[in-house]
N, C-alpha and C. Protein backbone atom coordinates (compact mmCIF):
# COMPACT_ATOMS: atom_id res chain seq x y z
N MET A 1 87.53 95.26 61.39
CA MET A 1 88.00 94.91 62.72
C MET A 1 88.57 96.16 63.39
N LYS A 2 87.84 96.66 64.36
CA LYS A 2 88.25 97.89 65.04
C LYS A 2 89.40 97.68 66.01
N PHE A 3 89.68 96.42 66.39
CA PHE A 3 90.82 96.19 67.28
C PHE A 3 92.09 96.70 66.64
N LEU A 4 92.21 96.52 65.34
CA LEU A 4 93.39 97.01 64.62
C LEU A 4 93.48 98.53 64.70
N VAL A 5 92.34 99.20 64.58
CA VAL A 5 92.31 100.67 64.70
C VAL A 5 92.73 101.09 66.10
N ILE A 6 92.24 100.38 67.11
CA ILE A 6 92.57 100.71 68.49
C ILE A 6 94.07 100.55 68.73
N VAL A 7 94.64 99.45 68.24
CA VAL A 7 96.08 99.22 68.39
C VAL A 7 96.87 100.29 67.65
N ALA A 8 96.42 100.62 66.44
CA ALA A 8 97.12 101.65 65.65
C ALA A 8 97.10 103.00 66.37
N ILE A 9 95.96 103.37 66.93
CA ILE A 9 95.87 104.64 67.67
C ILE A 9 96.86 104.64 68.83
N ALA A 10 96.89 103.55 69.58
CA ALA A 10 97.80 103.46 70.74
C ALA A 10 99.26 103.58 70.31
N ILE A 11 99.61 102.90 69.22
CA ILE A 11 101.00 102.95 68.73
C ILE A 11 101.36 104.35 68.27
N VAL A 12 100.47 104.99 67.54
CA VAL A 12 100.74 106.35 67.04
C VAL A 12 100.90 107.32 68.22
N ILE A 13 100.02 107.24 69.20
CA ILE A 13 100.11 108.14 70.36
C ILE A 13 101.41 107.91 71.12
N GLU A 14 101.75 106.65 71.33
CA GLU A 14 102.99 106.33 72.03
C GLU A 14 104.20 106.87 71.27
N THR A 15 104.22 106.68 69.96
CA THR A 15 105.33 107.13 69.13
C THR A 15 105.43 108.66 69.12
N LEU A 16 104.30 109.33 68.94
CA LEU A 16 104.29 110.79 68.94
C LEU A 16 104.78 111.35 70.28
N THR A 17 104.34 110.73 71.35
CA THR A 17 104.75 111.19 72.68
C THR A 17 106.26 111.05 72.86
N GLU A 18 106.80 109.93 72.45
CA GLU A 18 108.25 109.71 72.57
C GLU A 18 109.03 110.71 71.72
N TYR A 19 108.58 110.97 70.51
CA TYR A 19 109.24 111.96 69.65
C TYR A 19 109.18 113.36 70.25
N LEU A 20 108.02 113.73 70.77
CA LEU A 20 107.89 115.05 71.39
C LEU A 20 108.81 115.20 72.59
N LYS A 21 108.92 114.13 73.39
CA LYS A 21 109.81 114.21 74.55
C LYS A 21 111.27 114.32 74.14
N ARG A 22 111.63 113.72 73.00
CA ARG A 22 113.01 113.85 72.51
C ARG A 22 113.26 115.22 71.89
N MET A 23 112.26 115.74 71.19
CA MET A 23 112.41 117.05 70.55
C MET A 23 112.35 118.19 71.56
N LEU A 24 111.58 118.01 72.61
CA LEU A 24 111.41 119.02 73.65
C LEU A 24 111.75 118.40 75.00
N PRO A 25 113.04 118.28 75.33
CA PRO A 25 113.43 117.61 76.57
C PRO A 25 112.82 118.25 77.83
N GLU A 26 112.56 119.54 77.77
CA GLU A 26 111.94 120.19 78.94
C GLU A 26 110.52 119.69 79.18
N LEU A 27 109.88 119.17 78.13
CA LEU A 27 108.54 118.62 78.25
C LEU A 27 108.55 117.33 79.07
N ALA A 28 109.61 116.54 78.92
CA ALA A 28 109.71 115.25 79.61
C ALA A 28 109.69 115.41 81.13
N SER A 29 110.18 116.53 81.62
CA SER A 29 110.21 116.73 83.07
C SER A 29 108.84 117.12 83.64
N HIS A 30 107.91 117.48 82.78
CA HIS A 30 106.55 117.84 83.20
C HIS A 30 105.61 116.67 82.90
N THR A 31 105.62 115.69 83.77
CA THR A 31 104.87 114.46 83.56
C THR A 31 103.39 114.72 83.34
N TRP A 32 102.82 115.64 84.08
CA TRP A 32 101.38 115.90 83.96
C TRP A 32 101.03 116.46 82.59
N VAL A 33 101.93 117.23 81.99
CA VAL A 33 101.68 117.77 80.64
C VAL A 33 101.67 116.65 79.62
N VAL A 34 102.63 115.75 79.75
CA VAL A 34 102.70 114.60 78.83
C VAL A 34 101.46 113.73 79.00
N LEU A 35 101.08 113.48 80.23
CA LEU A 35 99.89 112.67 80.50
C LEU A 35 98.64 113.31 79.92
N LEU A 36 98.48 114.60 80.13
CA LEU A 36 97.32 115.32 79.59
C LEU A 36 97.31 115.27 78.06
N LEU A 37 98.47 115.45 77.47
CA LEU A 37 98.58 115.40 76.01
C LEU A 37 98.17 114.03 75.47
N THR A 38 98.64 112.96 76.10
CA THR A 38 98.29 111.62 75.61
C THR A 38 96.80 111.33 75.81
N VAL A 39 96.25 111.79 76.91
CA VAL A 39 94.81 111.56 77.15
C VAL A 39 93.97 112.31 76.12
N VAL A 40 94.30 113.56 75.86
CA VAL A 40 93.56 114.34 74.86
C VAL A 40 93.70 113.71 73.48
N LEU A 41 94.90 113.31 73.10
CA LEU A 41 95.11 112.67 71.81
C LEU A 41 94.34 111.35 71.72
N GLY A 42 94.39 110.55 72.78
CA GLY A 42 93.70 109.26 72.78
C GLY A 42 92.21 109.39 72.63
N ILE A 43 91.61 110.25 73.42
CA ILE A 43 90.16 110.43 73.36
C ILE A 43 89.74 111.03 72.02
N THR A 44 90.49 112.02 71.55
CA THR A 44 90.16 112.65 70.26
C THR A 44 90.24 111.63 69.13
N ALA A 45 91.30 110.82 69.11
CA ALA A 45 91.45 109.83 68.05
C ALA A 45 90.37 108.76 68.12
N ALA A 46 90.04 108.30 69.33
CA ALA A 46 89.01 107.27 69.47
C ALA A 46 87.65 107.78 68.99
N ILE A 47 87.35 109.03 69.30
CA ILE A 47 86.09 109.62 68.83
C ILE A 47 86.13 109.80 67.31
N ALA A 48 87.24 110.30 66.80
CA ALA A 48 87.35 110.56 65.35
C ALA A 48 87.23 109.27 64.53
N PHE A 49 87.74 108.17 65.05
CA PHE A 49 87.73 106.91 64.31
C PHE A 49 86.65 105.94 64.79
N ASN A 50 85.75 106.44 65.65
CA ASN A 50 84.67 105.61 66.20
C ASN A 50 85.20 104.32 66.80
N ALA A 51 86.32 104.40 67.48
CA ALA A 51 86.93 103.23 68.11
C ALA A 51 86.30 103.01 69.48
N ASP A 52 85.67 101.87 69.66
CA ASP A 52 84.97 101.56 70.91
C ASP A 52 85.22 100.10 71.26
N ILE A 53 86.07 99.87 72.24
CA ILE A 53 86.44 98.51 72.60
C ILE A 53 85.24 97.71 73.11
N PHE A 54 84.30 98.37 73.79
CA PHE A 54 83.12 97.67 74.28
C PHE A 54 82.22 97.21 73.14
N ALA A 55 82.04 98.07 72.14
CA ALA A 55 81.24 97.70 70.97
C ALA A 55 81.88 96.52 70.24
N GLU A 56 83.22 96.52 70.16
CA GLU A 56 83.93 95.42 69.52
C GLU A 56 83.72 94.10 70.25
N LEU A 57 83.51 94.19 71.54
CA LEU A 57 83.29 92.98 72.34
C LEU A 57 81.82 92.57 72.39
N GLY A 58 80.98 93.35 71.68
CA GLY A 58 79.57 93.00 71.59
C GLY A 58 78.67 93.61 72.66
N PHE A 59 79.21 94.57 73.41
CA PHE A 59 78.40 95.23 74.44
C PHE A 59 77.71 96.45 73.84
N ASP A 60 76.42 96.58 74.15
CA ASP A 60 75.66 97.75 73.70
C ASP A 60 75.64 98.78 74.83
N SER A 61 75.63 100.04 74.45
CA SER A 61 75.58 101.11 75.44
C SER A 61 74.54 102.13 75.04
N ASP A 62 73.87 102.67 76.03
CA ASP A 62 72.93 103.76 75.77
C ASP A 62 73.67 105.06 75.52
N ILE A 63 74.95 105.08 75.90
CA ILE A 63 75.78 106.27 75.71
C ILE A 63 77.02 105.84 74.90
N PRO A 64 76.93 105.84 73.56
CA PRO A 64 78.03 105.36 72.73
C PRO A 64 79.34 106.12 72.96
N LEU A 65 79.24 107.38 73.32
CA LEU A 65 80.45 108.18 73.54
C LEU A 65 81.26 107.64 74.71
N PHE A 66 80.60 107.01 75.68
CA PHE A 66 81.29 106.47 76.85
C PHE A 66 82.35 105.45 76.43
N GLY A 67 81.99 104.53 75.55
CA GLY A 67 82.93 103.51 75.09
C GLY A 67 84.10 104.11 74.34
N ARG A 68 83.85 105.15 73.59
CA ARG A 68 84.94 105.81 72.84
C ARG A 68 85.89 106.53 73.79
N VAL A 69 85.34 107.17 74.82
CA VAL A 69 86.19 107.87 75.79
C VAL A 69 87.06 106.86 76.55
N ILE A 70 86.47 105.76 77.00
CA ILE A 70 87.24 104.74 77.70
C ILE A 70 88.30 104.16 76.77
N THR A 71 87.96 103.92 75.53
CA THR A 71 88.92 103.42 74.55
C THR A 71 90.05 104.42 74.36
N GLY A 72 89.72 105.69 74.29
CA GLY A 72 90.74 106.72 74.16
C GLY A 72 91.68 106.76 75.35
N LEU A 73 91.14 106.56 76.55
CA LEU A 73 91.98 106.51 77.75
C LEU A 73 92.91 105.30 77.70
N LEU A 74 92.38 104.17 77.24
CA LEU A 74 93.23 102.98 77.10
C LEU A 74 94.33 103.21 76.07
N CYS A 75 93.97 103.84 74.96
CA CYS A 75 94.96 104.14 73.92
C CYS A 75 96.03 105.10 74.44
N ALA A 76 95.65 105.99 75.32
CA ALA A 76 96.61 106.93 75.90
C ALA A 76 97.67 106.20 76.71
N GLY A 77 97.33 105.01 77.19
CA GLY A 77 98.28 104.20 77.94
C GLY A 77 99.33 103.55 77.07
N GLY A 78 99.14 103.63 75.76
CA GLY A 78 100.13 103.08 74.84
C GLY A 78 99.83 101.65 74.42
N SER A 79 100.69 101.15 73.56
CA SER A 79 100.46 99.83 72.98
C SER A 79 100.58 98.71 74.01
N ASN A 80 101.43 98.87 75.01
CA ASN A 80 101.54 97.82 76.03
C ASN A 80 100.24 97.65 76.79
N MET A 81 99.57 98.75 77.10
CA MET A 81 98.30 98.67 77.82
C MET A 81 97.26 97.96 76.95
N ILE A 82 97.19 98.31 75.68
CA ILE A 82 96.23 97.68 74.77
C ILE A 82 96.52 96.19 74.65
N TYR A 83 97.80 95.84 74.52
CA TYR A 83 98.18 94.43 74.42
C TYR A 83 97.74 93.67 75.68
N ASP A 84 97.97 94.26 76.85
CA ASP A 84 97.57 93.62 78.11
C ASP A 84 96.06 93.42 78.17
N ILE A 85 95.31 94.43 77.76
CA ILE A 85 93.85 94.34 77.78
C ILE A 85 93.38 93.23 76.84
N ILE A 86 93.89 93.21 75.62
CA ILE A 86 93.49 92.19 74.64
C ILE A 86 93.87 90.80 75.14
N SER A 87 95.04 90.67 75.75
CA SER A 87 95.47 89.37 76.29
C SER A 87 94.52 88.89 77.38
N ARG A 88 94.11 89.80 78.24
CA ARG A 88 93.18 89.43 79.32
C ARG A 88 91.82 89.04 78.76
N ILE A 89 91.37 89.76 77.74
CA ILE A 89 90.08 89.45 77.13
C ILE A 89 90.11 88.08 76.48
N GLN A 90 91.23 87.76 75.83
CA GLN A 90 91.36 86.47 75.16
C GLN A 90 91.60 85.33 76.13
N GLY A 91 91.77 85.65 77.41
CA GLY A 91 91.94 84.61 78.41
C GLY A 91 93.38 84.28 78.72
N GLY A 92 94.31 84.99 78.10
CA GLY A 92 95.72 84.73 78.35
C GLY A 92 96.17 85.25 79.69
N GLY A 93 95.45 86.21 80.23
CA GLY A 93 95.82 86.81 81.50
C GLY A 93 97.06 87.65 81.37
N ALA A 94 97.41 88.31 82.41
CA ALA A 94 98.63 89.11 82.43
C ALA A 94 99.50 88.60 83.55
N GLU A 95 100.76 88.62 83.33
CA GLU A 95 101.71 88.16 84.34
C GLU A 95 101.70 89.12 85.51
N ASP A 96 101.70 88.59 86.71
CA ASP A 96 101.78 89.44 87.89
C ASP A 96 103.18 90.01 87.99
N GLU A 97 103.26 91.27 88.36
CA GLU A 97 104.57 91.91 88.46
C GLU A 97 105.15 91.71 89.83
């Protein structure tokens, strides 16, 4: 079940980002650097672990890398983003803010 891998990647990226911001407080003020770091980590991890949310949902793609890149971007959003996506897929929807 790759959903577990996707959730694990998101949690690890979120945790690493929070630790880095605590260890390097000057990094926290540079939002674009943190965002770039999480995106690079997310995409790299999704490719390394062949995590593809579209493939998990049964969608075929002529470009398998596309699904991994999108999954990496979702993972970069952290565990809350992944939880929201999975909830929407399962039909639970997301609460309007």
